[in-house]
């Protein structure tokens, strides 16, 4: 794998009872880039994410991370390599504060992720790091607020902080602005731009202005296959892409 490539798939496919949800997808994600994965509903975008992080086994094809074949690695091992993802649905512990949510994520490198009986005072060593991560996503002032009381956009920012706590080398974001109002979309887009520095980001996103603003390279999927790839200007001018997005903002 060339030095500038950090993640690559070759002829990746996933079949569900005779239906090819992903069909021969080949991606080449450059180190340090923000790479967008877009397409109409049902195009196979989230399935690709599930394959990359090994939440689903591939029917065929190869996944390479830093040139090493990870196609059959367990999900936890893939995550430990630095391929860490978020989900479409915000996943935070609503009864815990923002600080406590991030602190739980920080426990994993210490091997105490599931030791909920550990006295909270013994975890205070993680507080400074947790507050630093909250500061990175503009949540430091809300550190002591229960996550369940945060507005939706702030919950997604908290989720981003917990994902960053896992020290991702490649950050996979699944529709990070889904369901947000304009103000929250702008805030989260700026956060993504900020945390992308020094990392590689692969993101599924429906909000095309966000994709246009953030992404260096865009891969368009349709019916499980790659329809087009290039800059936003290139793919948005492609007649096949326009046809796939009839009735949308593309």
C-alpha atoms as a PDB file:
ATOM      1  CA  UNK A   1       0.000   0.000   0.000  1.00  0.00           C
ATOM      2  CA  UNK A   2       1.440   3.423  -0.909  1.00  0.00           C
ATOM      3  CA  UNK A   3       2.457   5.541   2.086  1.00  0.00           C
ATOM      4  CA  UNK A   4      -0.316   8.055   1.413  1.00  0.00           C
ATOM      5  CA  UNK A   5      -3.043   5.393   1.690  1.00  0.00           C
ATOM      6  CA  UNK A   6      -4.241   4.422   5.146  1.00  0.00           C
ATOM      7  CA  UNK A   7      -7.374   2.434   4.298  1.00  0.00           C
ATOM      8  CA  UNK A   8      -8.256   0.490   1.187  1.00  0.00           C
ATOM      9  CA  UNK A   9     -10.925  -1.978   0.087  1.00  0.00           C
ATOM     10  CA  UNK A  10     -10.716  -4.213  -2.927  1.00  0.00           C
ATOM     11  CA  UNK A  11     -13.840  -5.703  -4.520  1.00  0.00           C
ATOM     12  CA  UNK A  12     -15.688  -5.553  -1.201  1.00  0.00           C
ATOM     13  CA  UNK A  13     -19.100  -7.224  -1.234  1.00  0.00           C
ATOM     14  CA  UNK A  14     -21.853  -8.194   1.185  1.00  0.00           C
ATOM     15  CA  UNK A  15     -24.750 -10.455   0.262  1.00  0.00           C
ATOM     16  CA  UNK A  16     -27.895 -10.929   2.322  1.00  0.00           C
ATOM     17  CA  UNK A  17     -29.890 -13.966   1.159  1.00  0.00           C
ATOM     18  CA  UNK A  18     -29.177 -13.360  -2.491  1.00  0.00           C
ATOM     19  CA  UNK A  19     -29.325  -9.549  -2.292  1.00  0.00           C
ATOM     20  CA  UNK A  20     -26.015  -7.755  -2.892  1.00  0.00           C
ATOM     21  CA  UNK A  21     -26.138  -4.776  -0.538  1.00  0.00           C
ATOM     22  CA  UNK A  22     -22.504  -3.972  -1.344  1.00  0.00           C
ATOM     23  CA  UNK A  23     -21.158  -5.062  -4.702  1.00  0.00           C
ATOM     24  CA  UNK A  24     -17.487  -4.782  -5.611  1.00  0.00           C
ATOM     25  CA  UNK A  25     -16.681  -1.570  -3.723  1.00  0.00           C
ATOM     26  CA  UNK A  26     -13.052  -0.462  -3.969  1.00  0.00           C
ATOM     27  CA  UNK A  27     -12.081   2.520  -1.804  1.00  0.00           C
ATOM     28  CA  UNK A  28      -8.731   4.250  -1.430  1.00  0.00           C
ATOM     29  CA  UNK A  29      -8.656   6.596   1.554  1.00  0.00           C
ATOM     30  CA  UNK A  30      -5.650   8.885   1.780  1.00  0.00           C
ATOM     31  CA  UNK A  31      -3.924   9.482   5.084  1.00  0.00           C
ATOM     32  CA  UNK A  32      -4.905  12.803   6.665  1.00  0.00           C
ATOM     33  CA  UNK A  33      -7.881  13.384   4.356  1.00  0.00           C
ATOM     34  CA  UNK A  34     -11.609  13.770   4.950  1.00  0.00           C
ATOM     35  CA  UNK A  35     -13.247  11.280   2.608  1.00  0.00           C
ATOM     36  CA  UNK A  36     -17.001  11.398   2.071  1.00  0.00           C
ATOM     37  CA  UNK A  37     -19.195   8.410   1.291  1.00  0.00           C
ATOM     38  CA  UNK A  38     -22.525   9.539  -0.111  1.00  0.00           C
ATOM     39  CA  UNK A  39     -25.449   8.134  -2.058  1.00  0.00           C
ATOM     40  CA  UNK A  40     -29.224   7.784  -2.066  1.00  0.00           C
ATOM     41  CA  UNK A  41     -31.005   5.878   0.701  1.00  0.00           C
ATOM     42  CA  UNK A  42     -30.270   2.175   0.430  1.00  0.00           C
ATOM     43  CA  UNK A  43     -27.035   2.710  -1.483  1.00  0.00           C
ATOM     44  CA  UNK A  44     -25.056   0.559   0.965  1.00  0.00           C
ATOM     45  CA  UNK A  45     -23.137   3.276   2.827  1.00  0.00           C
ATOM     46  CA  UNK A  46     -23.733   2.078   6.390  1.00  0.00           C
ATOM     47  CA  UNK A  47     -23.192  -1.526   5.318  1.00  0.00           C
ATOM     48  CA  UNK A  48     -19.746  -0.505   4.042  1.00  0.00           C
ATOM     49  CA  UNK A  49     -19.040   1.009   7.466  1.00  0.00           C
ATOM     50  CA  UNK A  50     -20.175  -2.206   9.150  1.00  0.00           C
ATOM     51  CA  UNK A  51     -17.833  -4.188   6.921  1.00  0.00           C
ATOM     52  CA  UNK A  52     -14.866  -1.885   7.542  1.00  0.00           C
ATOM     53  CA  UNK A  53     -15.255  -2.164  11.314  1.00  0.00           C
ATOM     54  CA  UNK A  54     -16.047  -5.895  11.097  1.00  0.00           C
ATOM     55  CA  UNK A  55     -19.515  -5.552  12.571  1.00  0.00           C
ATOM     56  CA  UNK A  56     -20.446  -7.611   9.520  1.00  0.00           C
ATOM     57  CA  UNK A  57     -18.326 -10.242   7.759  1.00  0.00           C
ATOM     58  CA  UNK A  58     -17.629  -9.584   4.089  1.00  0.00           C
ATOM     59  CA  UNK A  59     -19.009 -12.014   1.518  1.00  0.00           C
ATOM     60  CA  UNK A  60     -15.926 -11.352  -0.570  1.00  0.00           C
ATOM     61  CA  UNK A  61     -13.184  -8.790  -1.004  1.00  0.00           C
ATOM     62  CA  UNK A  62     -10.302  -7.422   1.034  1.00  0.00           C
ATOM     63  CA  UNK A  63      -9.917  -4.652   3.609  1.00  0.00           C
ATOM     64  CA  UNK A  64      -6.448  -3.227   4.165  1.00  0.00           C
ATOM     65  CA  UNK A  65      -5.425  -0.902   6.991  1.00  0.00           C
ATOM     66  CA  UNK A  66      -1.893   0.451   6.745  1.00  0.00           C
ATOM     67  CA  UNK A  67      -1.259  -2.256   4.177  1.00  0.00           C
ATOM     68  CA  UNK A  68      -2.275  -5.096   6.499  1.00  0.00           C
ATOM     69  CA  UNK A  69      -5.200  -7.361   5.696  1.00  0.00           C
ATOM     70  CA  UNK A  70      -7.849  -6.876   8.408  1.00  0.00           C
ATOM     71  CA  UNK A  71     -10.699  -8.537   6.509  1.00  0.00           C
ATOM     72  CA  UNK A  72     -11.152 -11.301   9.066  1.00  0.00           C
ATOM     73  CA  UNK A  73      -9.991  -9.570  12.238  1.00  0.00           C
ATOM     74  CA  UNK A  74     -12.408  -9.417  15.208  1.00  0.00           C
ATOM     75  CA  UNK A  75     -14.112  -6.016  15.637  1.00  0.00           C
ATOM     76  CA  UNK A  76     -12.304  -5.284  18.909  1.00  0.00           C
ATOM     77  CA  UNK A  77      -8.930  -5.876  17.290  1.00  0.00           C
ATOM     78  CA  UNK A  78      -9.835  -3.567  14.400  1.00  0.00           C
ATOM     79  CA  UNK A  79     -10.834  -0.877  16.913  1.00  0.00           C
ATOM     80  CA  UNK A  80      -7.562  -1.298  18.798  1.00  0.00           C
ATOM     81  CA  UNK A  81      -5.727  -0.648  15.534  1.00  0.00           C
ATOM     82  CA  UNK A  82      -7.394   2.770  15.463  1.00  0.00           C
ATOM     83  CA  UNK A  83     -10.417   2.275  13.170  1.00  0.00           C
ATOM     84  CA  UNK A  84     -13.146   3.748  15.371  1.00  0.00           C
ATOM     85  CA  UNK A  85     -16.677   4.603  14.337  1.00  0.00           C
ATOM     86  CA  UNK A  86     -19.681   6.543  15.496  1.00  0.00           C
ATOM     87  CA  UNK A  87     -23.294   5.571  14.795  1.00  0.00           C
ATOM     88  CA  UNK A  88     -26.333   7.255  13.260  1.00  0.00           C
ATOM     89  CA  UNK A  89     -28.166   7.074  16.590  1.00  0.00           C
ATOM     90  CA  UNK A  90     -26.533   8.952  19.437  1.00  0.00           C
ATOM     91  CA  UNK A  91     -25.176   6.452  21.951  1.00  0.00           C
ATOM     92  CA  UNK A  92     -24.528   8.072  25.329  1.00  0.00           C
ATOM     93  CA  UNK A  93     -25.469   7.161  28.897  1.00  0.00           C
ATOM     94  CA  UNK A  94     -28.278   9.618  29.590  1.00  0.00           C
ATOM     95  CA  UNK A  95     -28.165   9.374  33.383  1.00  0.00           C
ATOM     96  CA  UNK A  96     -24.419  10.081  33.517  1.00  0.00           C
ATOM     97  CA  UNK A  97     -22.872  13.502  33.118  1.00  0.00           C
ATOM     98  CA  UNK A  98     -20.992  14.502  29.994  1.00  0.00           C
ATOM     99  CA  UNK A  99     -17.748  14.180  31.954  1.00  0.00           C
ATOM    100  CA  UNK A 100     -18.639  10.689  33.175  1.00  0.00           C
ATOM    101  CA  UNK A 101     -19.511   9.559  29.643  1.00  0.00           C
ATOM    102  CA  UNK A 102     -16.095  10.589  28.346  1.00  0.00           C
ATOM    103  CA  UNK A 103     -14.375   9.123  31.383  1.00  0.00           C
ATOM    104  CA  UNK A 104     -15.934   5.720  30.699  1.00  0.00           C
ATOM    105  CA  UNK A 105     -14.549   5.824  27.167  1.00  0.00           C
ATOM    106  CA  UNK A 106     -11.125   6.740  28.553  1.00  0.00           C
ATOM    107  CA  UNK A 107     -11.132   3.673  30.814  1.00  0.00           C
ATOM    108  CA  UNK A 108     -10.702   1.273  27.919  1.00  0.00           C
ATOM    109  CA  UNK A 109      -6.937   1.771  27.448  1.00  0.00           C
ATOM    110  CA  UNK A 110      -6.585   1.174  31.216  1.00  0.00           C
ATOM    111  CA  UNK A 111      -8.383  -2.163  30.959  1.00  0.00           C
ATOM    112  CA  UNK A 112     -11.141  -1.040  33.334  1.00  0.00           C
ATOM    113  CA  UNK A 113     -13.921  -0.396  30.806  1.00  0.00           C
ATOM    114  CA  UNK A 114     -16.415  -2.743  32.446  1.00  0.00           C
ATOM    115  CA  UNK A 115     -15.429  -2.297  36.085  1.00  0.00           C
ATOM    116  CA  UNK A 116     -18.367  -0.118  37.025  1.00  0.00           C
ATOM    117  CA  UNK A 117     -17.835  -0.939  40.706  1.00  0.00           C
ATOM    118  CA  UNK A 118     -14.521   0.945  40.763  1.00  0.00           C
ATOM    119  CA  UNK A 119     -14.917   3.946  43.138  1.00  0.00           C
ATOM    120  CA  UNK A 120     -15.351   7.148  41.164  1.00  0.00           C
ATOM    121  CA  UNK A 121     -12.544   8.813  43.125  1.00  0.00           C
ATOM    122  CA  UNK A 122     -10.080   6.253  41.690  1.00  0.00           C
ATOM    123  CA  UNK A 123     -11.015   7.429  38.192  1.00  0.00           C
ATOM    124  CA  UNK A 124     -10.481  11.099  38.938  1.00  0.00           C
ATOM    125  CA  UNK A 125      -7.046  10.790  37.355  1.00  0.00           C
ATOM    126  CA  UNK A 126      -8.917  10.772  34.032  1.00  0.00           C
ATOM    127  CA  UNK A 127     -10.840  13.979  34.718  1.00  0.00           C
ATOM    128  CA  UNK A 128      -8.296  16.356  33.208  1.00  0.00           C
ATOM    129  CA  UNK A 129      -8.120  14.328  30.013  1.00  0.00           C
ATOM    130  CA  UNK A 130     -11.916  14.049  29.867  1.00  0.00           C
ATOM    131  CA  UNK A 131     -12.310  17.807  30.321  1.00  0.00           C
ATOM    132  CA  UNK A 132      -9.746  18.404  27.599  1.00  0.00           C
ATOM    133  CA  UNK A 133     -11.790  16.271  25.191  1.00  0.00           C
ATOM    134  CA  UNK A 134     -14.961  18.097  26.187  1.00  0.00           C
ATOM    135  CA  UNK A 135     -13.154  21.366  25.524  1.00  0.00           C
ATOM    136  CA  UNK A 136     -12.252  20.107  22.040  1.00  0.00           C
ATOM    137  CA  UNK A 137     -15.966  19.752  21.226  1.00  0.00           C
ATOM    138  CA  UNK A 138     -17.114  22.910  23.038  1.00  0.00           C
ATOM    139  CA  UNK A 139     -18.762  21.032  25.912  1.00  0.00           C
ATOM    140  CA  UNK A 140     -16.466  21.912  28.805  1.00  0.00           C
ATOM    141  CA  UNK A 141     -19.064  24.213  30.398  1.00  0.00           C
ATOM    142  CA  UNK A 142     -21.597  21.370  30.274  1.00  0.00           C
ATOM    143  CA  UNK A 143     -19.303  18.761  31.846  1.00  0.00           C
ATOM    144  CA  UNK A 144     -21.547  18.209  34.871  1.00  0.00           C
ATOM    145  CA  UNK A 145     -24.855  18.145  32.989  1.00  0.00           C
ATOM    146  CA  UNK A 146     -26.507  14.705  32.586  1.00  0.00           C
ATOM    147  CA  UNK A 147     -26.176  13.627  28.962  1.00  0.00           C
ATOM    148  CA  UNK A 148     -29.912  12.979  28.765  1.00  0.00           C
ATOM    149  CA  UNK A 149     -30.568  16.672  29.377  1.00  0.00           C
ATOM    150  CA  UNK A 150     -28.323  17.896  26.561  1.00  0.00           C
ATOM    151  CA  UNK A 151     -29.895  19.167  23.328  1.00  0.00           C
ATOM    152  CA  UNK A 152     -29.633  16.718  20.440  1.00  0.00           C
ATOM    153  CA  UNK A 153     -26.776  18.515  18.706  1.00  0.00           C
ATOM    154  CA  UNK A 154     -24.767  18.625  21.934  1.00  0.00           C
ATOM    155  CA  UNK A 155     -25.364  14.895  22.472  1.00  0.00           C
ATOM    156  CA  UNK A 156     -23.802  14.247  19.067  1.00  0.00           C
ATOM    157  CA  UNK A 157     -20.861  16.426  20.067  1.00  0.00           C
ATOM    158  CA  UNK A 158     -20.538  14.373  23.257  1.00  0.00           C
ATOM    159  CA  UNK A 159     -20.563  11.205  21.194  1.00  0.00           C
ATOM    160  CA  UNK A 160     -17.737  12.667  19.130  1.00  0.00           C
ATOM    161  CA  UNK A 161     -15.772  13.316  22.333  1.00  0.00           C
ATOM    162  CA  UNK A 162     -16.259   9.724  23.506  1.00  0.00           C
ATOM    163  CA  UNK A 163     -15.139   8.486  20.095  1.00  0.00           C
ATOM    164  CA  UNK A 164     -12.018  10.673  20.262  1.00  0.00           C
ATOM    165  CA  UNK A 165     -11.296   9.198  23.697  1.00  0.00           C
ATOM    166  CA  UNK A 166     -10.535   5.916  21.929  1.00  0.00           C
ATOM    167  CA  UNK A 167      -7.662   7.645  20.115  1.00  0.00           C
ATOM    168  CA  UNK A 168      -8.766   6.863  16.547  1.00  0.00           C
ATOM    169  CA  UNK A 169      -6.289   6.934  13.708  1.00  0.00           C
ATOM    170  CA  UNK A 170      -9.172   6.622  11.237  1.00  0.00           C
ATOM    171  CA  UNK A 171     -12.420   8.173  12.440  1.00  0.00           C
ATOM    172  CA  UNK A 172     -15.526   6.763  10.761  1.00  0.00           C
ATOM    173  CA  UNK A 173     -18.526   9.050  11.205  1.00  0.00           C
ATOM    174  CA  UNK A 174     -21.949   7.708  10.250  1.00  0.00           C
ATOM    175  CA  UNK A 175     -24.235  10.661   9.420  1.00  0.00           C
ATOM    176  CA  UNK A 176     -22.869  12.982  12.129  1.00  0.00           C
ATOM    177  CA  UNK A 177     -25.345  15.802  11.339  1.00  0.00           C
ATOM    178  CA  UNK A 178     -28.476  13.658  10.902  1.00  0.00           C
ATOM    179  CA  UNK A 179     -31.593  15.191  12.452  1.00  0.00           C
ATOM    180  CA  UNK A 180     -29.954  18.497  13.336  1.00  0.00           C
ATOM    181  CA  UNK A 181     -31.113  22.044  12.816  1.00  0.00           C
ATOM    182  CA  UNK A 182     -29.011  24.466  10.810  1.00  0.00           C
ATOM    183  CA  UNK A 183     -27.192  25.938  13.805  1.00  0.00           C
ATOM    184  CA  UNK A 184     -26.195  22.513  15.155  1.00  0.00           C
ATOM    185  CA  UNK A 185     -25.140  21.343  11.686  1.00  0.00           C
ATOM    186  CA  UNK A 186     -22.757  24.271  11.375  1.00  0.00           C
ATOM    187  CA  UNK A 187     -21.363  23.700  14.858  1.00  0.00           C
ATOM    188  CA  UNK A 188     -20.756  19.970  14.317  1.00  0.00           C
ATOM    189  CA  UNK A 189     -19.226  20.552  10.878  1.00  0.00           C
ATOM    190  CA  UNK A 190     -16.727  22.937  12.458  1.00  0.00           C
ATOM    191  CA  UNK A 191     -15.977  20.371  15.168  1.00  0.00           C
ATOM    192  CA  UNK A 192     -15.304  17.701  12.548  1.00  0.00           C
ATOM    193  CA  UNK A 193     -12.972  20.043  10.706  1.00  0.00           C
ATOM    194  CA  UNK A 194     -11.142  20.750  13.948  1.00  0.00           C
ATOM    195  CA  UNK A 195     -10.748  17.151  15.151  1.00  0.00           C
ATOM    196  CA  UNK A 196      -9.747  15.960  11.668  1.00  0.00           C
ATOM    197  CA  UNK A 197      -6.384  17.676  12.043  1.00  0.00           C
ATOM    198  CA  UNK A 198      -3.817  14.911  12.421  1.00  0.00           C
ATOM    199  CA  UNK A 199      -6.383  12.206  11.687  1.00  0.00           C
ATOM    200  CA  UNK A 200      -8.099  10.569   8.746  1.00  0.00           C
ATOM    201  CA  UNK A 201     -11.891  10.840   8.556  1.00  0.00           C
ATOM    202  CA  UNK A 202     -14.253   8.697   6.503  1.00  0.00           C
ATOM    203  CA  UNK A 203     -17.792   9.982   6.797  1.00  0.00           C
ATOM    204  CA  UNK A 204     -21.241   9.005   5.576  1.00  0.00           C
ATOM    205  CA  UNK A 205     -23.315  12.150   5.256  1.00  0.00           C
ATOM    206  CA  UNK A 206     -26.566  13.177   3.569  1.00  0.00           C
ATOM    207  CA  UNK A 207     -26.098  16.921   3.997  1.00  0.00           C
ATOM    208  CA  UNK A 208     -24.430  17.815   0.718  1.00  0.00           C
ATOM    209  CA  UNK A 209     -23.358  21.365   1.713  1.00  0.00           C
ATOM    210  CA  UNK A 210     -21.496  19.773   4.654  1.00  0.00           C
ATOM    211  CA  UNK A 211     -19.892  17.252   2.291  1.00  0.00           C
ATOM    212  CA  UNK A 212     -18.914  20.026  -0.096  1.00  0.00           C
ATOM    213  CA  UNK A 213     -17.345  22.062   2.700  1.00  0.00           C
ATOM    214  CA  UNK A 214     -15.472  19.273   4.490  1.00  0.00           C
ATOM    215  CA  UNK A 215     -14.512  16.500   2.109  1.00  0.00           C
ATOM    216  CA  UNK A 216     -11.340  16.296   0.044  1.00  0.00           C
ATOM    217  CA  UNK A 217     -12.548  13.243  -1.869  1.00  0.00           C
ATOM    218  CA  UNK A 218     -16.066  11.890  -2.316  1.00  0.00           C
ATOM    219  CA  UNK A 219     -17.160   8.397  -3.293  1.00  0.00           C
ATOM    220  CA  UNK A 220     -20.736   8.082  -4.519  1.00  0.00           C
ATOM    221  CA  UNK A 221     -22.519   4.764  -4.005  1.00  0.00           C
ATOM    222  CA  UNK A 222     -25.677   3.650  -5.760  1.00  0.00           C
ATOM    223  CA  UNK A 223     -27.275   0.220  -5.401  1.00  0.00           C
ATOM    224  CA  UNK A 224     -24.233  -1.062  -3.567  1.00  0.00           C
ATOM    225  CA  UNK A 225     -21.668  -0.071  -6.187  1.00  0.00           C
ATOM    226  CA  UNK A 226     -19.332   2.872  -6.741  1.00  0.00           C
ATOM    227  CA  UNK A 227     -21.012   5.286  -9.126  1.00  0.00           C
ATOM    228  CA  UNK A 228     -18.420   8.071  -9.141  1.00  0.00           C
ATOM    229  CA  UNK A 229     -15.441   9.396  -7.223  1.00  0.00           C
ATOM    230  CA  UNK A 230     -13.560  12.679  -7.089  1.00  0.00           C
ATOM    231  CA  UNK A 231     -13.894  16.166  -5.660  1.00  0.00           C
ATOM    232  CA  UNK A 232     -17.332  17.561  -4.908  1.00  0.00           C
ATOM    233  CA  UNK A 233     -17.211  19.635  -8.104  1.00  0.00           C
ATOM    234  CA  UNK A 234     -16.390  16.549 -10.145  1.00  0.00           C
ATOM    235  CA  UNK A 235     -19.020  14.209  -8.723  1.00  0.00           C
ATOM    236  CA  UNK A 236     -21.764  16.845  -8.604  1.00  0.00           C
ATOM    237  CA  UNK A 237     -21.258  17.489 -12.317  1.00  0.00           C
ATOM    238  CA  UNK A 238     -21.488  13.787 -13.198  1.00  0.00           C
ATOM    239  CA  UNK A 239     -24.762  13.041 -15.044  1.00  0.00           C
ATOM    240  CA  UNK A 240     -25.018   9.597 -13.447  1.00  0.00           C
ATOM    241  CA  UNK A 241     -24.756  11.133  -9.980  1.00  0.00           C
ATOM    242  CA  UNK A 242     -27.401  13.725 -10.824  1.00  0.00           C
ATOM    243  CA  UNK A 243     -29.723  10.977 -12.036  1.00  0.00           C
ATOM    244  CA  UNK A 244     -29.199   8.989  -8.825  1.00  0.00           C
ATOM    245  CA  UNK A 245     -30.066  12.080  -6.807  1.00  0.00           C
ATOM    246  CA  UNK A 246     -33.189  13.143  -8.731  1.00  0.00           C
ATOM    247  CA  UNK A 247     -35.276  15.259  -6.413  1.00  0.00           C
ATOM    248  CA  UNK A 248     -32.364  15.977  -4.035  1.00  0.00           C
ATOM    249  CA  UNK A 249     -29.983  18.874  -3.591  1.00  0.00           C
ATOM    250  CA  UNK A 250     -27.314  17.325  -5.815  1.00  0.00           C
END
